[in-house]
Amino acid sequence: MKFLKKNIWTICSWAFVFALVAGNAFADTSASDLMSTAQNKARNVFTSVRTITFILGGFGLVGIAYQAIIGKVKWSWFAGLAVGLALLAAAGAIVEYATGDSGAQIESTFQ
């Protein structure tokens, strides 16, 4: 009960966000329509977030490379960010390889 008292605003805000995101998905009568709507929304959100992450990551690469050159941070931080952005770019191909199906339709930026 103490957990609920402390986190009631967080739980309510998550419920509110879920209701907004779900939108018209609850109006669909069949489960396949609901899942396809959820898949489309998740794909759209992933694509948008990936674009924003690439922009911020590009600035981060420049900044960390400069700091690594002058000796303020380790080169492993730069390499870690570069590898992370490469994995994000290959996410579509990784999902297709892991599932064995190209039905996810997540575009890879390596193509």
C-alpha atoms as a PDB file:
ATOM      1  CA  MET A   1       0.000   0.000   0.000  1.00  0.00           C
ATOM      2  CA  LYS A   2       2.922   2.316   0.687  1.00  0.00           C
ATOM      3  CA  PHE A   3       4.137   1.769  -2.881  1.00  0.00           C
ATOM      4  CA  LEU A   4       0.779   2.893  -4.285  1.00  0.00           C
ATOM      5  CA  LYS A   5       0.693   5.987  -2.087  1.00  0.00           C
ATOM      6  CA  LYS A   6       4.169   7.039  -3.192  1.00  0.00           C
ATOM      7  CA  ASN A   7       3.686   6.309  -6.890  1.00  0.00           C
ATOM      8  CA  ILE A   8       0.035   7.095  -7.534  1.00  0.00           C
ATOM      9  CA  TRP A   9       0.865  10.057  -9.786  1.00  0.00           C
ATOM     10  CA  THR A  10       3.299   7.990 -11.814  1.00  0.00           C
ATOM     11  CA  ILE A  11       0.785   5.188 -12.270  1.00  0.00           C
ATOM     12  CA  CYS A  12      -1.973   7.608 -13.234  1.00  0.00           C
ATOM     13  CA  SER A  13       0.253   9.433 -15.715  1.00  0.00           C
ATOM     14  CA  TRP A  14       1.298   6.145 -17.351  1.00  0.00           C
ATOM     15  CA  ALA A  15      -2.361   5.142 -17.614  1.00  0.00           C
ATOM     16  CA  PHE A  16      -3.158   8.518 -19.180  1.00  0.00           C
ATOM     17  CA  VAL A  17      -0.310   8.226 -21.688  1.00  0.00           C
ATOM     18  CA  PHE A  18      -1.370   4.679 -22.553  1.00  0.00           C
ATOM     19  CA  ALA A  19      -4.942   5.841 -23.162  1.00  0.00           C
ATOM     20  CA  LEU A  20      -3.711   8.633 -25.434  1.00  0.00           C
ATOM     21  CA  VAL A  21      -1.312   6.426 -27.382  1.00  0.00           C
ATOM     22  CA  ALA A  22      -3.810   3.608 -27.787  1.00  0.00           C
ATOM     23  CA  GLY A  23      -6.306   6.068 -29.247  1.00  0.00           C
ATOM     24  CA  ASN A  24      -8.560   4.335 -31.732  1.00  0.00           C
ATOM     25  CA  ALA A  25      -6.935   0.930 -31.249  1.00  0.00           C
ATOM     26  CA  PHE A  26      -9.609   0.032 -28.702  1.00  0.00           C
ATOM     27  CA  ALA A  27     -12.320   0.749 -31.281  1.00  0.00           C
ATOM     28  CA  ASP A  28     -11.148  -2.194 -33.405  1.00  0.00           C
ATOM     29  CA  THR A  29     -13.173  -5.330 -32.788  1.00  0.00           C
ATOM     30  CA  SER A  30     -10.722  -8.055 -33.743  1.00  0.00           C
ATOM     31  CA  ALA A  31      -7.434  -8.861 -32.071  1.00  0.00           C
ATOM     32  CA  SER A  32      -5.528  -8.829 -35.362  1.00  0.00           C
ATOM     33  CA  ASP A  33      -6.577  -5.238 -36.035  1.00  0.00           C
ATOM     34  CA  LEU A  34      -5.516  -4.252 -32.533  1.00  0.00           C
ATOM     35  CA  MET A  35      -2.100  -5.884 -32.910  1.00  0.00           C
ATOM     36  CA  SER A  36      -1.505  -4.438 -36.376  1.00  0.00           C
ATOM     37  CA  THR A  37      -2.409  -0.972 -35.076  1.00  0.00           C
ATOM     38  CA  ALA A  38      -0.032  -1.422 -32.143  1.00  0.00           C
ATOM     39  CA  GLN A  39       2.715  -2.681 -34.477  1.00  0.00           C
ATOM     40  CA  ASN A  40       2.298   0.295 -36.804  1.00  0.00           C
ATOM     41  CA  LYS A  41       2.394   2.778 -33.927  1.00  0.00           C
ATOM     42  CA  ALA A  42       5.454   1.123 -32.381  1.00  0.00           C
ATOM     43  CA  ARG A  43       7.230   1.161 -35.761  1.00  0.00           C
ATOM     44  CA  ASN A  44       6.412   4.850 -36.266  1.00  0.00           C
ATOM     45  CA  VAL A  45       7.620   5.755 -32.771  1.00  0.00           C
ATOM     46  CA  PHE A  46      10.840   3.752 -33.242  1.00  0.00           C
ATOM     47  CA  THR A  47      11.563   5.423 -36.576  1.00  0.00           C
ATOM     48  CA  SER A  48      10.997   8.903 -35.144  1.00  0.00           C
ATOM     49  CA  VAL A  49      13.077   8.253 -32.038  1.00  0.00           C
ATOM     50  CA  ARG A  50      15.836   6.735 -34.165  1.00  0.00           C
ATOM     51  CA  THR A  51      16.011   9.909 -36.255  1.00  0.00           C
ATOM     52  CA  ILE A  52      16.297  12.094 -33.157  1.00  0.00           C
ATOM     53  CA  THR A  53      18.910   9.741 -31.694  1.00  0.00           C
ATOM     54  CA  PHE A  54      21.007   9.943 -34.862  1.00  0.00           C
ATOM     55  CA  ILE A  55      20.990  13.736 -34.726  1.00  0.00           C
ATOM     56  CA  LEU A  56      21.948  13.893 -31.051  1.00  0.00           C
ATOM     57  CA  GLY A  57      24.429  11.031 -31.470  1.00  0.00           C
ATOM     58  CA  GLY A  58      26.154  12.839 -34.325  1.00  0.00           C
ATOM     59  CA  PHE A  59      26.727  15.874 -32.143  1.00  0.00           C
ATOM     60  CA  GLY A  60      27.845  13.551 -29.342  1.00  0.00           C
ATOM     61  CA  LEU A  61      30.366  11.837 -31.618  1.00  0.00           C
ATOM     62  CA  VAL A  62      31.878  15.172 -32.593  1.00  0.00           C
ATOM     63  CA  GLY A  63      32.040  16.345 -28.984  1.00  0.00           C
ATOM     64  CA  ILE A  64      33.463  13.124 -27.581  1.00  0.00           C
ATOM     65  CA  ALA A  65      35.981  12.867 -30.435  1.00  0.00           C
ATOM     66  CA  TYR A  66      37.212  16.378 -29.662  1.00  0.00           C
ATOM     67  CA  GLN A  67      37.458  15.603 -25.948  1.00  0.00           C
ATOM     68  CA  ALA A  68      39.246  12.322 -26.669  1.00  0.00           C
ATOM     69  CA  ILE A  69      41.761  14.102 -28.894  1.00  0.00           C
ATOM     70  CA  ILE A  70      42.634  16.595 -26.167  1.00  0.00           C
ATOM     71  CA  GLY A  71      42.707  13.801 -23.565  1.00  0.00           C
ATOM     72  CA  LYS A  72      39.659  14.627 -21.427  1.00  0.00           C
ATOM     73  CA  VAL A  73      37.811  11.317 -22.001  1.00  0.00           C
ATOM     74  CA  LYS A  74      38.811   7.814 -23.036  1.00  0.00           C
ATOM     75  CA  TRP A  75      38.631   6.681 -26.636  1.00  0.00           C
ATOM     76  CA  SER A  76      36.482   3.748 -25.508  1.00  0.00           C
ATOM     77  CA  TRP A  77      33.611   6.188 -24.890  1.00  0.00           C
ATOM     78  CA  PHE A  78      33.846   7.347 -28.486  1.00  0.00           C
ATOM     79  CA  ALA A  79      33.991   3.760 -29.732  1.00  0.00           C
ATOM     80  CA  GLY A  80      31.026   2.788 -27.554  1.00  0.00           C
ATOM     81  CA  LEU A  81      28.883   5.605 -28.915  1.00  0.00           C
ATOM     82  CA  ALA A  82      29.897   4.786 -32.492  1.00  0.00           C
ATOM     83  CA  VAL A  83      29.080   1.091 -32.064  1.00  0.00           C
ATOM     84  CA  GLY A  84      25.763   1.951 -30.397  1.00  0.00           C
ATOM     85  CA  LEU A  85      24.757   4.180 -33.288  1.00  0.00           C
ATOM     86  CA  ALA A  86      25.798   1.470 -35.763  1.00  0.00           C
ATOM     87  CA  LEU A  87      23.613  -1.065 -33.948  1.00  0.00           C
ATOM     88  CA  LEU A  88      20.709   1.377 -34.014  1.00  0.00           C
ATOM     89  CA  ALA A  89      21.228   1.860 -37.738  1.00  0.00           C
ATOM     90  CA  ALA A  90      21.181  -1.908 -38.294  1.00  0.00           C
ATOM     91  CA  ALA A  91      18.152  -2.531 -36.073  1.00  0.00           C
ATOM     92  CA  GLY A  92      15.900  -3.427 -38.998  1.00  0.00           C
ATOM     93  CA  ALA A  93      18.308  -6.014 -40.353  1.00  0.00           C
ATOM     94  CA  ILE A  94      18.907  -7.428 -36.874  1.00  0.00           C
ATOM     95  CA  VAL A  95      15.167  -7.863 -36.261  1.00  0.00           C
ATOM     96  CA  GLU A  96      14.693  -9.537 -39.644  1.00  0.00           C
ATOM     97  CA  TYR A  97      17.634 -11.885 -39.004  1.00  0.00           C
ATOM     98  CA  ALA A  98      16.485 -12.787 -35.482  1.00  0.00           C
ATOM     99  CA  THR A  99      12.871 -13.442 -36.455  1.00  0.00           C
ATOM    100  CA  GLY A 100      13.540 -14.913 -39.892  1.00  0.00           C
ATOM    101  CA  ASP A 101      10.697 -12.824 -41.277  1.00  0.00           C
ATOM    102  CA  SER A 102      10.737  -9.529 -43.145  1.00  0.00           C
ATOM    103  CA  GLY A 103       7.220  -8.670 -41.967  1.00  0.00           C
ATOM    104  CA  ALA A 104       8.451  -6.180 -39.365  1.00  0.00           C
ATOM    105  CA  GLN A 105       9.232  -3.682 -42.152  1.00  0.00           C
ATOM    106  CA  ILE A 106      11.728  -1.660 -40.096  1.00  0.00           C
ATOM    107  CA  GLU A 107      13.919   0.080 -42.598  1.00  0.00           C
ATOM    108  CA  SER A 108      17.635  -0.318 -42.081  1.00  0.00           C
ATOM    109  CA  THR A 109      19.717   2.787 -42.679  1.00  0.00           C
ATOM    110  CA  PHE A 110      22.526   0.686 -44.176  1.00  0.00           C
ATOM    111  CA  GLN A 111      20.603  -0.034 -47.381  1.00  0.00           C
END
